[in-house]
């Protein structure tokens, strides 16, 4: 019997647990949403927020330390979003 493939098995780079503040920045800087980065790698991250309602499939992520990345949503729940970085 084959076991189901989990999202962790599909990752290109290992993720490190973290607890960093960040902001989801919508296209054209129309709005921002506070979030917490729960894990992070060179290729993606897990974001936790109060609600993912209204967050588009592509946005910029601005970390509190000043780093910025363009993101594409890989999956989402009501309060979490898994993203891939499309460019730094």
C-alpha atoms as a PDB file:
ATOM      1  CA  UNK A   1       0.000   0.000   0.000  1.00  0.00           C
ATOM      2  CA  UNK A   2       1.427   3.405  -0.960  1.00  0.00           C
ATOM      3  CA  UNK A   3       1.477   6.153   1.625  1.00  0.00           C
ATOM      4  CA  UNK A   4       0.149   9.555   0.598  1.00  0.00           C
ATOM      5  CA  UNK A   5       2.687  12.137  -0.439  1.00  0.00           C
ATOM      6  CA  UNK A   6       2.786  15.063   1.959  1.00  0.00           C
ATOM      7  CA  UNK A   7       3.668  18.634   1.103  1.00  0.00           C
ATOM      8  CA  UNK A   8       6.986  18.192   2.936  1.00  0.00           C
ATOM      9  CA  UNK A   9       7.947  15.459   0.445  1.00  0.00           C
ATOM     10  CA  UNK A  10       7.493  17.887  -2.460  1.00  0.00           C
ATOM     11  CA  UNK A  11       9.790  20.589  -1.112  1.00  0.00           C
ATOM     12  CA  UNK A  12      12.959  21.448  -3.004  1.00  0.00           C
ATOM     13  CA  UNK A  13      14.765  22.757   0.081  1.00  0.00           C
ATOM     14  CA  UNK A  14      14.451  21.858   3.773  1.00  0.00           C
ATOM     15  CA  UNK A  15      12.514  24.343   5.854  1.00  0.00           C
ATOM     16  CA  UNK A  16      13.734  25.666   9.178  1.00  0.00           C
ATOM     17  CA  UNK A  17      11.279  26.488  11.950  1.00  0.00           C
ATOM     18  CA  UNK A  18      11.130  30.175  12.688  1.00  0.00           C
ATOM     19  CA  UNK A  19       8.929  32.790  14.275  1.00  0.00           C
ATOM     20  CA  UNK A  20       9.391  36.048  12.356  1.00  0.00           C
ATOM     21  CA  UNK A  21       7.105  38.964  11.729  1.00  0.00           C
ATOM     22  CA  UNK A  22       6.236  39.901   8.159  1.00  0.00           C
ATOM     23  CA  UNK A  23       3.671  41.590   5.949  1.00  0.00           C
ATOM     24  CA  UNK A  24       1.839  40.328   2.890  1.00  0.00           C
ATOM     25  CA  UNK A  25       1.886  43.229   0.422  1.00  0.00           C
ATOM     26  CA  UNK A  26      -0.772  43.130  -2.285  1.00  0.00           C
ATOM     27  CA  UNK A  27      -0.033  44.165  -5.884  1.00  0.00           C
ATOM     28  CA  UNK A  28       0.461  47.923  -6.383  1.00  0.00           C
ATOM     29  CA  UNK A  29       0.856  48.248  -2.593  1.00  0.00           C
ATOM     30  CA  UNK A  30      -2.924  48.543  -2.250  1.00  0.00           C
ATOM     31  CA  UNK A  31      -3.044  46.780   1.148  1.00  0.00           C
ATOM     32  CA  UNK A  32      -0.869  44.940   3.631  1.00  0.00           C
ATOM     33  CA  UNK A  33      -1.671  42.131   6.042  1.00  0.00           C
ATOM     34  CA  UNK A  34       0.398  41.214   9.078  1.00  0.00           C
ATOM     35  CA  UNK A  35       1.543  37.605   9.302  1.00  0.00           C
ATOM     36  CA  UNK A  36       4.006  35.361  11.088  1.00  0.00           C
ATOM     37  CA  UNK A  37       6.544  33.264   9.177  1.00  0.00           C
ATOM     38  CA  UNK A  38       6.412  29.836  10.863  1.00  0.00           C
ATOM     39  CA  UNK A  39       8.998  28.097   8.688  1.00  0.00           C
ATOM     40  CA  UNK A  40      11.339  29.260   5.972  1.00  0.00           C
ATOM     41  CA  UNK A  41      13.655  27.914   3.261  1.00  0.00           C
ATOM     42  CA  UNK A  42      15.420  29.276   0.208  1.00  0.00           C
ATOM     43  CA  UNK A  43      12.400  28.325  -1.912  1.00  0.00           C
ATOM     44  CA  UNK A  44       9.345  29.025   0.242  1.00  0.00           C
ATOM     45  CA  UNK A  45       7.676  29.625   3.585  1.00  0.00           C
ATOM     46  CA  UNK A  46       4.688  28.899   5.793  1.00  0.00           C
ATOM     47  CA  UNK A  47       2.752  32.021   6.747  1.00  0.00           C
ATOM     48  CA  UNK A  48       0.216  32.221   9.560  1.00  0.00           C
ATOM     49  CA  UNK A  49      -2.316  35.034   9.819  1.00  0.00           C
ATOM     50  CA  UNK A  50      -5.694  35.826  11.322  1.00  0.00           C
ATOM     51  CA  UNK A  51      -7.434  35.051   8.017  1.00  0.00           C
ATOM     52  CA  UNK A  52      -6.319  34.279   4.461  1.00  0.00           C
ATOM     53  CA  UNK A  53      -9.543  35.756   3.070  1.00  0.00           C
ATOM     54  CA  UNK A  54      -8.701  38.378   0.464  1.00  0.00           C
ATOM     55  CA  UNK A  55      -5.104  37.242  -0.056  1.00  0.00           C
ATOM     56  CA  UNK A  56      -4.482  36.735  -3.815  1.00  0.00           C
ATOM     57  CA  UNK A  57      -2.443  33.877  -5.301  1.00  0.00           C
ATOM     58  CA  UNK A  58       0.539  36.194  -5.952  1.00  0.00           C
ATOM     59  CA  UNK A  59       1.904  38.866  -3.630  1.00  0.00           C
ATOM     60  CA  UNK A  60       5.078  40.276  -2.075  1.00  0.00           C
ATOM     61  CA  UNK A  61       6.281  39.211   1.361  1.00  0.00           C
ATOM     62  CA  UNK A  62       8.122  41.864   3.354  1.00  0.00           C
ATOM     63  CA  UNK A  63       9.920  40.456   6.385  1.00  0.00           C
ATOM     64  CA  UNK A  64      10.471  42.616   9.464  1.00  0.00           C
ATOM     65  CA  UNK A  65      14.246  42.268   8.901  1.00  0.00           C
ATOM     66  CA  UNK A  66      13.863  44.048   5.521  1.00  0.00           C
ATOM     67  CA  UNK A  67      14.038  41.046   3.183  1.00  0.00           C
ATOM     68  CA  UNK A  68      11.441  40.979   0.428  1.00  0.00           C
ATOM     69  CA  UNK A  69      10.310  38.135  -1.839  1.00  0.00           C
ATOM     70  CA  UNK A  70       7.713  37.672  -4.536  1.00  0.00           C
ATOM     71  CA  UNK A  71       5.429  34.756  -3.615  1.00  0.00           C
ATOM     72  CA  UNK A  72       3.008  32.348  -5.234  1.00  0.00           C
ATOM     73  CA  UNK A  73       0.496  30.419  -3.103  1.00  0.00           C
ATOM     74  CA  UNK A  74       1.069  26.650  -3.129  1.00  0.00           C
ATOM     75  CA  UNK A  75      -1.766  25.855  -0.697  1.00  0.00           C
ATOM     76  CA  UNK A  76      -3.927  27.604   1.887  1.00  0.00           C
ATOM     77  CA  UNK A  77      -6.249  27.045   4.834  1.00  0.00           C
ATOM     78  CA  UNK A  78      -8.354  29.606   6.713  1.00  0.00           C
ATOM     79  CA  UNK A  79      -5.323  30.852   8.695  1.00  0.00           C
ATOM     80  CA  UNK A  80      -2.188  29.523   6.933  1.00  0.00           C
ATOM     81  CA  UNK A  81      -0.612  29.872   3.493  1.00  0.00           C
ATOM     82  CA  UNK A  82       2.226  27.825   2.050  1.00  0.00           C
ATOM     83  CA  UNK A  83       4.152  29.878  -0.525  1.00  0.00           C
ATOM     84  CA  UNK A  84       6.887  29.396  -3.119  1.00  0.00           C
ATOM     85  CA  UNK A  85       9.278  32.228  -3.763  1.00  0.00           C
ATOM     86  CA  UNK A  86       9.159  33.203  -7.419  1.00  0.00           C
ATOM     87  CA  UNK A  87      12.111  35.606  -7.169  1.00  0.00           C
ATOM     88  CA  UNK A  88      14.027  37.359  -4.414  1.00  0.00           C
END
